[in-house]
């Protein structure tokens, strides 16, 4: 199915909408960056991880990477140990099992939605974006390399 859209400048373009079963072996996924905001009152942040969710594949996963030098440039007194622990907790919730605590009983979608809920803490989720992938775990690594490292 395609739709015609008229943009503000008057140009007509076509946008193709992929429906289930029409994207080949690719499935829709959602992702959000994990941002570290060492001093919430200043609003400065750095990317430190990514969370990926694919409903079709029942997958939720997170990968993190904390650039300590960059963090300390934003705030020389940042709690590096605490921030690493918070990032590690996100990875554990995504992985499920005993390390996920009470979230272990939730399905992948509920864990993802809980992790991307806005919060005013040192580790915050960014906006949610979407894409298509054949391998959500590989997509998690690709996005980490592209947007975080």
N, C-alpha and C. Protein backbone atom coordinates (compact mmCIF):
# COMPACT_ATOMS: atom_id res chain seq x y z
N UNK A 1 0.86 -1.18 0.00
CA UNK A 1 0.00 0.00 0.00
C UNK A 1 0.89 1.23 0.00
N UNK A 2 0.55 2.23 -0.73
CA UNK A 2 1.29 3.49 -0.67
C UNK A 2 0.30 4.63 -0.49
N UNK A 3 0.80 5.71 0.06
CA UNK A 3 -0.03 6.88 0.28
C UNK A 3 0.62 8.08 -0.37
N UNK A 4 -0.18 9.00 -0.84
CA UNK A 4 0.35 10.24 -1.40
C UNK A 4 0.25 11.31 -0.32
N UNK A 5 1.31 12.09 -0.21
CA UNK A 5 1.34 13.16 0.79
C UNK A 5 1.71 14.46 0.11
N UNK A 6 1.05 15.54 0.47
CA UNK A 6 1.38 16.86 -0.05
C UNK A 6 2.10 17.61 1.08
N UNK A 7 3.32 17.99 0.81
CA UNK A 7 4.12 18.70 1.80
C UNK A 7 3.80 20.20 1.75
N UNK A 8 4.24 20.92 2.73
CA UNK A 8 3.97 22.36 2.83
C UNK A 8 4.38 23.12 1.57
N UNK A 9 5.47 22.74 0.93
CA UNK A 9 5.93 23.45 -0.26
C UNK A 9 5.13 23.07 -1.50
N UNK A 10 4.19 22.13 -1.38
CA UNK A 10 3.34 21.75 -2.49
C UNK A 10 3.83 20.56 -3.28
N UNK A 11 4.96 19.98 -2.90
CA UNK A 11 5.48 18.82 -3.60
C UNK A 11 4.69 17.57 -3.21
N UNK A 12 4.41 16.72 -4.19
CA UNK A 12 3.72 15.46 -3.94
C UNK A 12 4.75 14.35 -3.95
N UNK A 13 4.75 13.56 -2.91
CA UNK A 13 5.67 12.43 -2.83
C UNK A 13 4.88 11.20 -2.45
N UNK A 14 5.48 10.03 -2.63
CA UNK A 14 4.84 8.79 -2.20
C UNK A 14 5.62 8.22 -1.04
N UNK A 15 4.90 7.69 -0.09
CA UNK A 15 5.50 7.02 1.06
C UNK A 15 4.97 5.61 1.06
N UNK A 16 5.85 4.65 1.10
CA UNK A 16 5.44 3.26 1.10
C UNK A 16 5.36 2.75 2.54
N UNK A 17 4.29 2.09 2.84
CA UNK A 17 4.06 1.54 4.16
C UNK A 17 4.21 0.03 4.08
N UNK A 18 5.11 -0.53 4.86
CA UNK A 18 5.31 -1.98 4.86
C UNK A 18 4.41 -2.58 5.93
N UNK A 19 3.64 -3.54 5.53
CA UNK A 19 2.76 -4.25 6.46
C UNK A 19 3.36 -5.59 6.81
N UNK A 20 2.85 -6.20 7.84
CA UNK A 20 3.34 -7.52 8.27
C UNK A 20 3.33 -8.47 7.09
N UNK A 21 4.43 -9.17 6.91
CA UNK A 21 4.53 -10.14 5.84
C UNK A 21 5.00 -9.55 4.53
N UNK A 22 5.09 -8.21 4.41
CA UNK A 22 5.52 -7.59 3.16
C UNK A 22 6.97 -7.12 3.20
N UNK A 23 7.63 -7.21 4.32
CA UNK A 23 8.99 -6.70 4.45
C UNK A 23 10.04 -7.77 4.26
N UNK A 24 9.69 -8.86 3.58
CA UNK A 24 10.64 -9.96 3.45
C UNK A 24 10.80 -10.61 4.80
N UNK A 25 12.03 -10.83 5.18
CA UNK A 25 12.28 -11.43 6.49
C UNK A 25 12.62 -10.38 7.54
N UNK A 26 12.44 -9.10 7.21
CA UNK A 26 12.72 -8.02 8.16
C UNK A 26 11.49 -7.73 9.02
N UNK A 27 11.76 -7.44 10.27
CA UNK A 27 10.70 -7.10 11.22
C UNK A 27 10.92 -5.70 11.76
N UNK A 28 9.84 -5.05 12.15
CA UNK A 28 9.92 -3.74 12.78
C UNK A 28 10.57 -3.89 14.15
N UNK A 29 11.44 -2.94 14.48
CA UNK A 29 11.99 -2.87 15.83
C UNK A 29 11.93 -1.43 16.30
N UNK A 30 11.99 -1.28 17.61
CA UNK A 30 12.03 0.04 18.24
C UNK A 30 13.33 0.13 19.03
N UNK A 31 13.87 1.34 19.13
CA UNK A 31 15.06 1.50 19.96
C UNK A 31 15.08 2.87 20.61
N UNK A 32 15.78 2.94 21.72
CA UNK A 32 16.00 4.20 22.42
C UNK A 32 17.43 4.22 22.93
N UNK A 33 18.02 5.38 22.88
CA UNK A 33 19.35 5.55 23.45
C UNK A 33 19.25 5.69 24.96
N UNK A 34 20.27 5.25 25.64
CA UNK A 34 20.41 5.51 27.08
C UNK A 34 21.39 6.66 27.21
N UNK A 35 20.97 7.68 27.90
CA UNK A 35 21.80 8.87 28.07
C UNK A 35 22.19 9.02 29.53
N UNK A 36 23.42 9.43 29.73
CA UNK A 36 23.88 9.74 31.07
C UNK A 36 23.87 11.26 31.21
N UNK A 37 23.18 11.72 32.23
CA UNK A 37 23.07 13.15 32.54
C UNK A 37 23.66 13.32 33.95
N UNK A 38 24.98 13.51 34.04
CA UNK A 38 25.62 13.48 35.35
C UNK A 38 25.14 14.58 36.30
N UNK A 39 24.77 15.73 35.76
CA UNK A 39 24.22 16.80 36.58
C UNK A 39 22.90 17.22 35.93
N UNK A 40 21.83 16.65 36.44
CA UNK A 40 20.51 16.83 35.84
C UNK A 40 20.16 18.32 35.70
N UNK A 41 20.56 19.12 36.64
CA UNK A 41 20.22 20.54 36.61
C UNK A 41 20.89 21.26 35.43
N UNK A 42 22.01 20.73 34.91
CA UNK A 42 22.70 21.34 33.76
C UNK A 42 22.15 20.83 32.43
N UNK A 43 21.61 19.63 32.41
CA UNK A 43 21.02 19.08 31.20
C UNK A 43 22.02 18.54 30.19
N UNK A 44 23.31 18.57 30.48
CA UNK A 44 24.30 18.02 29.56
C UNK A 44 24.25 16.50 29.62
N UNK A 45 24.38 15.87 28.45
CA UNK A 45 24.28 14.42 28.43
C UNK A 45 25.24 13.80 27.44
N UNK A 46 25.42 12.50 27.59
CA UNK A 46 26.22 11.72 26.64
C UNK A 46 25.53 10.38 26.45
N UNK A 47 25.63 9.83 25.26
CA UNK A 47 25.04 8.53 24.98
C UNK A 47 25.90 7.44 25.62
N UNK A 48 25.24 6.48 26.26
CA UNK A 48 25.97 5.41 26.94
C UNK A 48 25.39 4.03 26.69
N UNK A 49 24.38 3.94 25.85
CA UNK A 49 23.81 2.62 25.57
C UNK A 49 22.61 2.72 24.66
N UNK A 50 22.11 1.55 24.30
CA UNK A 50 20.94 1.47 23.44
C UNK A 50 20.08 0.28 23.88
N UNK A 51 18.77 0.48 23.81
CA UNK A 51 17.80 -0.59 24.11
C UNK A 51 17.04 -0.86 22.82
N UNK A 52 16.93 -2.13 22.44
CA UNK A 52 16.24 -2.51 21.22
C UNK A 52 15.11 -3.48 21.57
N UNK A 53 13.96 -3.29 20.94
CA UNK A 53 12.80 -4.15 21.16
C UNK A 53 12.20 -4.55 19.83
N UNK A 54 11.97 -5.84 19.65
CA UNK A 54 11.28 -6.35 18.47
C UNK A 54 10.11 -7.21 18.96
N UNK A 55 8.91 -6.71 18.78
CA UNK A 55 7.73 -7.46 19.20
C UNK A 55 7.62 -8.78 18.44
N UNK A 56 7.86 -8.73 17.12
CA UNK A 56 7.73 -9.92 16.28
C UNK A 56 8.69 -11.03 16.70
N UNK A 57 9.86 -10.65 17.20
CA UNK A 57 10.85 -11.64 17.59
C UNK A 57 10.86 -11.90 19.10
N UNK A 58 10.01 -11.19 19.84
CA UNK A 58 9.98 -11.35 21.29
C UNK A 58 11.32 -11.00 21.92
N UNK A 59 11.98 -9.99 21.36
CA UNK A 59 13.34 -9.64 21.78
C UNK A 59 13.37 -8.28 22.44
N UNK A 60 14.06 -8.19 23.54
CA UNK A 60 14.45 -6.91 24.12
C UNK A 60 15.88 -7.08 24.61
N UNK A 61 16.72 -6.15 24.24
CA UNK A 61 18.12 -6.25 24.62
C UNK A 61 18.74 -4.87 24.75
N UNK A 62 19.76 -4.79 25.56
CA UNK A 62 20.47 -3.53 25.75
C UNK A 62 21.96 -3.80 25.73
N UNK A 63 22.69 -2.85 25.19
CA UNK A 63 24.14 -2.87 25.22
C UNK A 63 24.58 -1.49 25.67
N UNK A 64 25.56 -1.45 26.53
CA UNK A 64 26.03 -0.18 27.06
C UNK A 64 27.54 -0.05 26.89
N UNK A 65 27.97 1.19 26.88
CA UNK A 65 29.39 1.51 26.83
C UNK A 65 29.56 2.88 27.48
N UNK A 66 30.28 2.94 28.57
CA UNK A 66 30.48 4.20 29.27
C UNK A 66 31.89 4.72 28.99
N UNK A 67 31.96 5.86 28.32
CA UNK A 67 33.23 6.54 28.06
C UNK A 67 33.54 7.37 29.31
N UNK A 68 34.35 6.80 30.18
CA UNK A 68 34.63 7.43 31.47
C UNK A 68 35.28 8.80 31.33
N UNK A 69 36.21 8.94 30.40
CA UNK A 69 36.88 10.24 30.22
C UNK A 69 35.88 11.32 29.81
N UNK A 70 34.99 10.97 28.92
CA UNK A 70 33.97 11.92 28.49
C UNK A 70 33.02 12.28 29.63
N UNK A 71 32.64 11.26 30.40
CA UNK A 71 31.77 11.49 31.56
C UNK A 71 32.43 12.46 32.53
N UNK A 72 33.69 12.21 32.84
CA UNK A 72 34.38 13.05 33.82
C UNK A 72 34.66 14.45 33.27
N UNK A 73 34.68 14.61 31.95
CA UNK A 73 34.79 15.94 31.37
C UNK A 73 33.50 16.73 31.61
N UNK A 74 32.36 16.04 31.61
CA UNK A 74 31.08 16.70 31.91
C UNK A 74 30.95 17.00 33.39
N UNK A 75 31.42 16.08 34.21
CA UNK A 75 31.33 16.25 35.66
C UNK A 75 32.45 15.47 36.34
N UNK A 76 33.51 16.17 36.76
CA UNK A 76 34.64 15.49 37.39
C UNK A 76 34.27 14.71 38.65
N UNK A 77 33.13 15.02 39.26
CA UNK A 77 32.70 14.31 40.48
C UNK A 77 31.62 13.28 40.22
N UNK A 78 31.42 12.91 38.97
CA UNK A 78 30.38 11.93 38.62
C UNK A 78 30.64 10.60 39.32
N UNK A 79 29.58 9.96 39.72
CA UNK A 79 29.65 8.66 40.40
C UNK A 79 29.77 7.56 39.33
N UNK A 80 30.99 7.32 38.88
CA UNK A 80 31.23 6.37 37.80
C UNK A 80 30.73 4.98 38.18
N UNK A 81 30.99 4.55 39.39
CA UNK A 81 30.56 3.22 39.84
C UNK A 81 29.04 3.11 39.84
N UNK A 82 28.37 4.12 40.34
CA UNK A 82 26.90 4.11 40.37
C UNK A 82 26.29 4.12 38.98
N UNK A 83 26.89 4.90 38.08
CA UNK A 83 26.39 4.97 36.71
C UNK A 83 26.59 3.63 36.00
N UNK A 84 27.76 3.01 36.20
CA UNK A 84 27.99 1.69 35.60
C UNK A 84 26.97 0.68 36.14
N UNK A 85 26.66 0.77 37.43
CA UNK A 85 25.69 -0.14 38.03
C UNK A 85 24.29 0.08 37.43
N UNK A 86 23.91 1.34 37.22
CA UNK A 86 22.60 1.63 36.63
C UNK A 86 22.52 1.12 35.19
N UNK A 87 23.58 1.30 34.42
CA UNK A 87 23.60 0.80 33.04
C UNK A 87 23.55 -0.73 33.03
N UNK A 88 24.28 -1.35 33.95
CA UNK A 88 24.26 -2.81 34.06
C UNK A 88 22.89 -3.33 34.43
N UNK A 89 22.18 -2.59 35.27
CA UNK A 89 20.83 -2.99 35.67
C UNK A 89 19.88 -2.99 34.47
N UNK A 90 20.04 -2.03 33.57
CA UNK A 90 19.21 -1.99 32.36
C UNK A 90 19.47 -3.25 31.53
N UNK A 91 20.73 -3.62 31.37
CA UNK A 91 21.06 -4.82 30.60
C UNK A 91 20.45 -6.07 31.26
N UNK A 92 20.47 -6.11 32.59
CA UNK A 92 19.91 -7.27 33.31
C UNK A 92 18.39 -7.35 33.14
N UNK A 93 17.72 -6.22 33.20
CA UNK A 93 16.27 -6.21 33.02
C UNK A 93 15.92 -6.71 31.61
N UNK A 94 16.68 -6.27 30.62
CA UNK A 94 16.44 -6.73 29.25
C UNK A 94 16.66 -8.23 29.12
N UNK A 95 17.70 -8.73 29.75
CA UNK A 95 18.03 -10.15 29.66
C UNK A 95 17.01 -11.03 30.36
N UNK A 96 16.29 -10.48 31.32
CA UNK A 96 15.31 -11.27 32.08
C UNK A 96 16.01 -12.19 33.05
N UNK A 97 15.33 -13.22 33.50
CA UNK A 97 15.92 -14.16 34.44
C UNK A 97 16.07 -13.58 35.83
N UNK A 98 16.84 -14.27 36.65
CA UNK A 98 16.99 -13.86 38.05
C UNK A 98 17.56 -12.45 38.21
N UNK A 99 18.43 -12.02 37.29
CA UNK A 99 19.05 -10.71 37.39
C UNK A 99 18.09 -9.56 37.15
N UNK A 100 16.92 -9.85 36.62
CA UNK A 100 15.95 -8.80 36.29
C UNK A 100 15.05 -8.42 37.46
N UNK A 101 15.15 -9.14 38.56
CA UNK A 101 14.29 -8.83 39.70
C UNK A 101 12.82 -9.07 39.37
N UNK A 102 11.96 -8.17 39.84
CA UNK A 102 10.52 -8.33 39.61
C UNK A 102 10.16 -8.26 38.12
N UNK A 103 10.97 -7.58 37.33
CA UNK A 103 10.69 -7.46 35.90
C UNK A 103 10.84 -8.79 35.16
N UNK A 104 11.45 -9.76 35.78
CA UNK A 104 11.66 -11.07 35.14
C UNK A 104 10.34 -11.72 34.75
N UNK A 105 9.28 -11.40 35.46
CA UNK A 105 7.96 -12.00 35.17
C UNK A 105 7.27 -11.32 33.98
N UNK A 106 7.77 -10.14 33.60
CA UNK A 106 7.14 -9.39 32.50
C UNK A 106 7.64 -9.87 31.15
N UNK A 107 6.80 -9.71 30.13
CA UNK A 107 7.24 -10.06 28.78
C UNK A 107 8.18 -8.97 28.26
N UNK A 108 8.78 -9.22 27.10
CA UNK A 108 9.78 -8.30 26.53
C UNK A 108 9.20 -6.90 26.32
N UNK A 109 7.97 -6.82 25.84
CA UNK A 109 7.35 -5.53 25.59
C UNK A 109 7.16 -4.70 26.85
N UNK A 110 6.71 -5.33 27.90
CA UNK A 110 6.52 -4.60 29.18
C UNK A 110 7.85 -4.14 29.74
N UNK A 111 8.88 -4.98 29.64
CA UNK A 111 10.21 -4.57 30.13
C UNK A 111 10.73 -3.38 29.32
N UNK A 112 10.56 -3.41 27.99
CA UNK A 112 10.99 -2.29 27.15
C UNK A 112 10.25 -1.02 27.53
N UNK A 113 8.93 -1.09 27.62
CA UNK A 113 8.13 0.11 27.95
C UNK A 113 8.50 0.68 29.31
N UNK A 114 8.79 -0.18 30.27
CA UNK A 114 9.18 0.29 31.59
C UNK A 114 10.54 1.00 31.50
N UNK A 115 11.47 0.44 30.73
CA UNK A 115 12.81 1.03 30.63
C UNK A 115 12.83 2.35 29.87
N UNK A 116 11.90 2.54 28.94
CA UNK A 116 11.91 3.79 28.16
C UNK A 116 11.02 4.87 28.75
N UNK A 117 10.38 4.59 29.87
CA UNK A 117 9.54 5.60 30.51
C UNK A 117 10.41 6.79 30.95
N UNK A 118 9.93 8.01 30.68
CA UNK A 118 10.74 9.19 31.06
C UNK A 118 11.04 9.20 32.55
N UNK A 119 12.23 9.62 32.87
CA UNK A 119 12.62 9.74 34.27
C UNK A 119 13.65 10.84 34.41
N UNK A 120 13.72 11.42 35.58
CA UNK A 120 14.68 12.47 35.86
C UNK A 120 15.76 11.92 36.78
N UNK A 121 16.59 11.06 36.22
CA UNK A 121 17.69 10.46 36.96
C UNK A 121 18.97 10.64 36.15
N UNK A 122 20.06 10.15 36.64
CA UNK A 122 21.33 10.28 35.94
C UNK A 122 21.33 9.48 34.65
N UNK A 123 20.73 8.29 34.63
CA UNK A 123 20.61 7.48 33.40
C UNK A 123 19.16 7.61 32.91
N UNK A 124 19.01 8.17 31.70
CA UNK A 124 17.69 8.45 31.16
C UNK A 124 17.55 7.86 29.76
N UNK A 125 16.36 7.40 29.40
CA UNK A 125 16.13 6.96 28.02
C UNK A 125 15.88 8.16 27.12
N UNK A 126 16.29 8.04 25.87
CA UNK A 126 15.99 9.07 24.89
C UNK A 126 14.68 8.75 24.18
N UNK A 127 14.44 9.45 23.11
CA UNK A 127 13.23 9.23 22.30
C UNK A 127 13.28 7.85 21.65
N UNK A 128 12.11 7.31 21.36
CA UNK A 128 12.02 6.00 20.70
C UNK A 128 11.99 6.21 19.19
N UNK A 129 12.78 5.39 18.49
CA UNK A 129 12.85 5.41 17.04
C UNK A 129 12.53 4.00 16.54
N UNK A 130 12.26 3.87 15.24
CA UNK A 130 11.93 2.56 14.68
C UNK A 130 12.79 2.26 13.46
N UNK A 131 12.79 0.99 13.08
CA UNK A 131 13.49 0.54 11.90
C UNK A 131 13.06 -0.86 11.54
N UNK A 132 13.72 -1.45 10.54
CA UNK A 132 13.47 -2.82 10.14
C UNK A 132 14.77 -3.60 10.26
N UNK A 133 14.67 -4.84 10.71
CA UNK A 133 15.86 -5.65 10.88
C UNK A 133 15.53 -7.13 10.71
N UNK A 134 16.53 -7.90 10.37
CA UNK A 134 16.40 -9.35 10.33
C UNK A 134 16.95 -9.97 11.60
N UNK A 135 17.75 -9.18 12.36
CA UNK A 135 18.44 -9.70 13.54
C UNK A 135 18.51 -8.62 14.61
N UNK A 136 17.56 -8.60 15.56
CA UNK A 136 17.55 -7.53 16.56
C UNK A 136 18.80 -7.49 17.43
N UNK A 137 19.38 -8.64 17.74
CA UNK A 137 20.60 -8.65 18.56
C UNK A 137 21.75 -7.98 17.81
N UNK A 138 21.89 -8.29 16.53
CA UNK A 138 22.93 -7.65 15.72
C UNK A 138 22.65 -6.16 15.57
N UNK A 139 21.37 -5.80 15.48
CA UNK A 139 20.99 -4.39 15.38
C UNK A 139 21.39 -3.64 16.65
N UNK A 140 21.26 -4.29 17.79
CA UNK A 140 21.67 -3.68 19.05
C UNK A 140 23.15 -3.33 19.01
N UNK A 141 23.98 -4.25 18.55
CA UNK A 141 25.42 -4.01 18.44
C UNK A 141 25.71 -2.92 17.41
N UNK A 142 25.02 -2.94 16.28
CA UNK A 142 25.24 -1.95 15.24
C UNK A 142 24.92 -0.54 15.75
N UNK A 143 23.78 -0.42 16.45
CA UNK A 143 23.40 0.89 16.97
C UNK A 143 24.35 1.36 18.06
N UNK A 144 24.85 0.44 18.87
CA UNK A 144 25.82 0.82 19.89
C UNK A 144 27.07 1.40 19.23
N UNK A 145 27.56 0.72 18.20
CA UNK A 145 28.76 1.21 17.49
C UNK A 145 28.48 2.53 16.79
N UNK A 146 27.31 2.67 16.18
CA UNK A 146 26.98 3.86 15.42
C UNK A 146 26.69 5.09 16.29
N UNK A 147 25.97 4.89 17.39
CA UNK A 147 25.46 6.02 18.16
C UNK A 147 26.11 6.26 19.52
N UNK A 148 26.88 5.29 20.00
CA UNK A 148 27.42 5.42 21.35
C UNK A 148 28.95 5.45 21.36
N UNK A 149 29.57 4.50 20.72
CA UNK A 149 31.05 4.41 20.78
C UNK A 149 31.73 5.48 19.97
